[in-house]
Amino acid sequence: MAEDAKVDPGPELSMVVPGSENKTRSQRLATTLPWYADLDAAAEAATRQGKLVFWLHLLGNIDGFT
C-alpha cells in the first residue's frame, strides 16, 4: 500500500471520544474483567475454563492518568 493511501476507518473509529467517556470506559473495563497479575495463573485459569488469555501491556495506568 502506498504511503499516501488512506483507509477510511468508518464513523465508529474516526470519532474523537471525550476524556470523560474514556474514563468511564476504562473504569468499566478495569472492573468487569477478571485481572491477573501473573501470566501463568491467567493461562492456567484460561485453560481450565476453555478460554483465551487477553494480554494487555500498558505504559502508565489504565485509568488514563500516567
N, C-alpha and C. Protein backbone atom coordinates (compact mmCIF):
# COMPACT_ATOMS: atom_id res chain seq x y z
N MET A 1 0.85 -1.18 0.00
CA MET A 1 0.00 0.00 0.00
C MET A 1 0.89 1.24 0.00
N ALA A 2 0.54 2.19 -0.79
CA ALA A 2 1.32 3.43 -0.88
C ALA A 2 1.22 4.20 0.43
N GLU A 3 2.29 4.93 0.74
CA GLU A 3 2.31 5.69 1.99
C GLU A 3 1.21 6.73 2.05
N ASP A 4 0.84 7.31 0.90
CA ASP A 4 -0.16 8.37 0.91
C ASP A 4 -1.59 7.83 0.82
N ALA A 5 -1.76 6.50 0.68
CA ALA A 5 -3.10 5.91 0.63
C ALA A 5 -3.71 5.98 2.03
N LYS A 6 -4.96 6.36 2.07
CA LYS A 6 -5.65 6.46 3.36
C LYS A 6 -6.82 5.50 3.38
N VAL A 7 -7.00 4.84 4.50
CA VAL A 7 -8.10 3.91 4.68
C VAL A 7 -9.11 4.58 5.59
N ASP A 8 -10.35 4.63 5.15
CA ASP A 8 -11.41 5.22 5.98
C ASP A 8 -11.78 4.22 7.06
N PRO A 9 -11.55 4.55 8.34
CA PRO A 9 -11.85 3.62 9.41
C PRO A 9 -13.33 3.50 9.72
N GLY A 10 -14.15 4.31 9.10
CA GLY A 10 -15.58 4.27 9.38
C GLY A 10 -15.93 5.23 10.50
N PRO A 11 -17.20 5.54 10.65
CA PRO A 11 -17.62 6.54 11.65
C PRO A 11 -17.33 6.13 13.08
N GLU A 12 -17.38 4.83 13.38
CA GLU A 12 -17.16 4.39 14.77
C GLU A 12 -15.73 4.63 15.21
N LEU A 13 -14.77 4.46 14.30
CA LEU A 13 -13.36 4.58 14.68
C LEU A 13 -12.78 5.96 14.43
N SER A 14 -13.45 6.77 13.63
CA SER A 14 -12.88 8.07 13.30
C SER A 14 -13.34 9.18 14.25
N MET A 15 -14.29 8.88 15.13
CA MET A 15 -14.75 9.93 16.03
C MET A 15 -13.78 10.10 17.20
N VAL A 16 -13.75 11.29 17.72
CA VAL A 16 -12.93 11.59 18.89
C VAL A 16 -13.79 11.36 20.12
N VAL A 17 -13.29 10.58 21.04
CA VAL A 17 -14.03 10.26 22.25
C VAL A 17 -13.56 11.19 23.36
N PRO A 18 -14.47 11.90 24.02
CA PRO A 18 -14.07 12.81 25.10
C PRO A 18 -13.40 12.07 26.25
N GLY A 19 -12.55 12.78 26.96
CA GLY A 19 -11.82 12.18 28.08
C GLY A 19 -12.73 11.59 29.15
N SER A 20 -13.86 12.22 29.42
CA SER A 20 -14.77 11.69 30.43
C SER A 20 -15.33 10.33 30.01
N GLU A 21 -15.60 10.16 28.71
CA GLU A 21 -16.09 8.88 28.20
C GLU A 21 -14.99 7.83 28.25
N ASN A 22 -13.77 8.23 27.93
CA ASN A 22 -12.65 7.29 28.04
C ASN A 22 -12.47 6.83 29.48
N LYS A 23 -12.64 7.74 30.42
CA LYS A 23 -12.51 7.37 31.83
C LYS A 23 -13.59 6.36 32.21
N THR A 24 -14.82 6.60 31.78
CA THR A 24 -15.92 5.68 32.06
C THR A 24 -15.65 4.31 31.45
N ARG A 25 -15.19 4.31 30.21
CA ARG A 25 -14.91 3.04 29.54
C ARG A 25 -13.78 2.28 30.20
N SER A 26 -12.71 2.98 30.59
CA SER A 26 -11.59 2.30 31.23
C SER A 26 -11.97 1.78 32.60
N GLN A 27 -12.82 2.51 33.33
CA GLN A 27 -13.28 2.02 34.63
C GLN A 27 -14.12 0.77 34.47
N ARG A 28 -14.98 0.76 33.45
CA ARG A 28 -15.81 -0.42 33.18
C ARG A 28 -14.93 -1.61 32.82
N LEU A 29 -13.93 -1.39 31.98
CA LEU A 29 -13.02 -2.45 31.59
C LEU A 29 -12.25 -2.99 32.79
N ALA A 30 -11.80 -2.09 33.64
CA ALA A 30 -10.98 -2.49 34.78
C ALA A 30 -11.79 -3.22 35.85
N THR A 31 -13.09 -3.03 35.88
CA THR A 31 -13.89 -3.64 36.95
C THR A 31 -14.75 -4.82 36.50
N THR A 32 -14.92 -5.02 35.20
CA THR A 32 -15.80 -6.10 34.76
C THR A 32 -15.05 -7.33 34.27
N LEU A 33 -13.78 -7.20 33.96
CA LEU A 33 -12.98 -8.35 33.53
C LEU A 33 -12.16 -8.86 34.71
N PRO A 34 -11.99 -10.19 34.81
CA PRO A 34 -11.08 -10.69 35.84
C PRO A 34 -9.64 -10.41 35.42
N TRP A 35 -8.86 -9.80 36.31
CA TRP A 35 -7.49 -9.43 36.01
C TRP A 35 -6.54 -10.30 36.81
N TYR A 36 -5.47 -10.71 36.19
CA TYR A 36 -4.42 -11.48 36.84
C TYR A 36 -3.11 -10.70 36.74
N ALA A 37 -2.36 -10.66 37.81
CA ALA A 37 -1.05 -10.02 37.79
C ALA A 37 0.02 -11.01 37.34
N ASP A 38 -0.34 -12.29 37.31
CA ASP A 38 0.61 -13.34 36.96
C ASP A 38 0.13 -14.04 35.69
N LEU A 39 0.95 -14.01 34.63
CA LEU A 39 0.56 -14.58 33.34
C LEU A 39 0.35 -16.09 33.44
N ASP A 40 1.16 -16.78 34.23
CA ASP A 40 0.99 -18.22 34.37
C ASP A 40 -0.34 -18.56 35.03
N ALA A 41 -0.74 -17.79 36.03
CA ALA A 41 -2.03 -18.01 36.69
C ALA A 41 -3.18 -17.74 35.72
N ALA A 42 -3.04 -16.72 34.89
CA ALA A 42 -4.06 -16.41 33.89
C ALA A 42 -4.17 -17.53 32.87
N ALA A 43 -3.03 -18.05 32.42
CA ALA A 43 -3.03 -19.14 31.44
C ALA A 43 -3.66 -20.40 32.02
N GLU A 44 -3.38 -20.67 33.28
CA GLU A 44 -3.96 -21.84 33.94
C GLU A 44 -5.48 -21.71 34.06
N ALA A 45 -5.94 -20.54 34.48
CA ALA A 45 -7.39 -20.30 34.59
C ALA A 45 -8.06 -20.37 33.22
N ALA A 46 -7.41 -19.83 32.21
CA ALA A 46 -7.98 -19.86 30.86
C ALA A 46 -8.08 -21.28 30.35
N THR A 47 -7.08 -22.09 30.62
CA THR A 47 -7.11 -23.49 30.21
C THR A 47 -8.25 -24.23 30.89
N ARG A 48 -8.40 -24.01 32.18
CA ARG A 48 -9.49 -24.66 32.92
C ARG A 48 -10.86 -24.27 32.37
N GLN A 49 -11.01 -23.02 31.98
CA GLN A 49 -12.30 -22.50 31.52
C GLN A 49 -12.49 -22.62 30.01
N GLY A 50 -11.48 -23.09 29.29
CA GLY A 50 -11.57 -23.19 27.84
C GLY A 50 -11.63 -21.84 27.16
N LYS A 51 -10.91 -20.87 27.72
CA LYS A 51 -10.92 -19.51 27.18
C LYS A 51 -9.51 -19.09 26.78
N LEU A 52 -9.43 -17.95 26.12
CA LEU A 52 -8.15 -17.38 25.73
C LEU A 52 -7.69 -16.37 26.77
N VAL A 53 -6.41 -16.05 26.74
CA VAL A 53 -5.85 -15.02 27.61
C VAL A 53 -5.79 -13.72 26.81
N PHE A 54 -6.34 -12.67 27.37
CA PHE A 54 -6.23 -11.32 26.80
C PHE A 54 -5.10 -10.64 27.53
N TRP A 55 -3.99 -10.39 26.84
CA TRP A 55 -2.80 -9.82 27.46
C TRP A 55 -2.72 -8.35 27.09
N LEU A 56 -2.77 -7.51 28.10
CA LEU A 56 -2.70 -6.07 27.90
C LEU A 56 -1.45 -5.54 28.58
N HIS A 57 -0.59 -4.92 27.79
CA HIS A 57 0.64 -4.36 28.33
C HIS A 57 0.56 -2.84 28.16
N LEU A 58 0.62 -2.12 29.26
CA LEU A 58 0.48 -0.66 29.23
C LEU A 58 1.73 0.03 29.76
N LEU A 59 1.96 1.19 29.24
CA LEU A 59 2.93 2.10 29.84
C LEU A 59 2.10 3.17 30.54
N GLY A 60 2.02 3.10 31.83
CA GLY A 60 1.17 4.03 32.58
C GLY A 60 0.01 3.27 33.19
N ASN A 61 -0.98 3.99 33.64
CA ASN A 61 -2.14 3.41 34.30
C ASN A 61 -3.32 3.27 33.34
N ILE A 62 -4.15 2.26 33.55
CA ILE A 62 -5.28 2.02 32.66
C ILE A 62 -6.32 3.15 32.76
N ASP A 63 -6.34 3.88 33.86
CA ASP A 63 -7.34 4.94 34.01
C ASP A 63 -6.99 6.20 33.22
N GLY A 64 -5.87 6.18 32.51
CA GLY A 64 -5.52 7.30 31.66
C GLY A 64 -4.62 8.34 32.30
N PHE A 65 -4.37 8.20 33.60
CA PHE A 65 -3.50 9.15 34.28
C PHE A 65 -2.13 8.52 34.46
N THR A 66 -1.18 8.95 33.63
CA THR A 66 0.16 8.33 33.69
C THR A 66 1.12 9.22 34.42
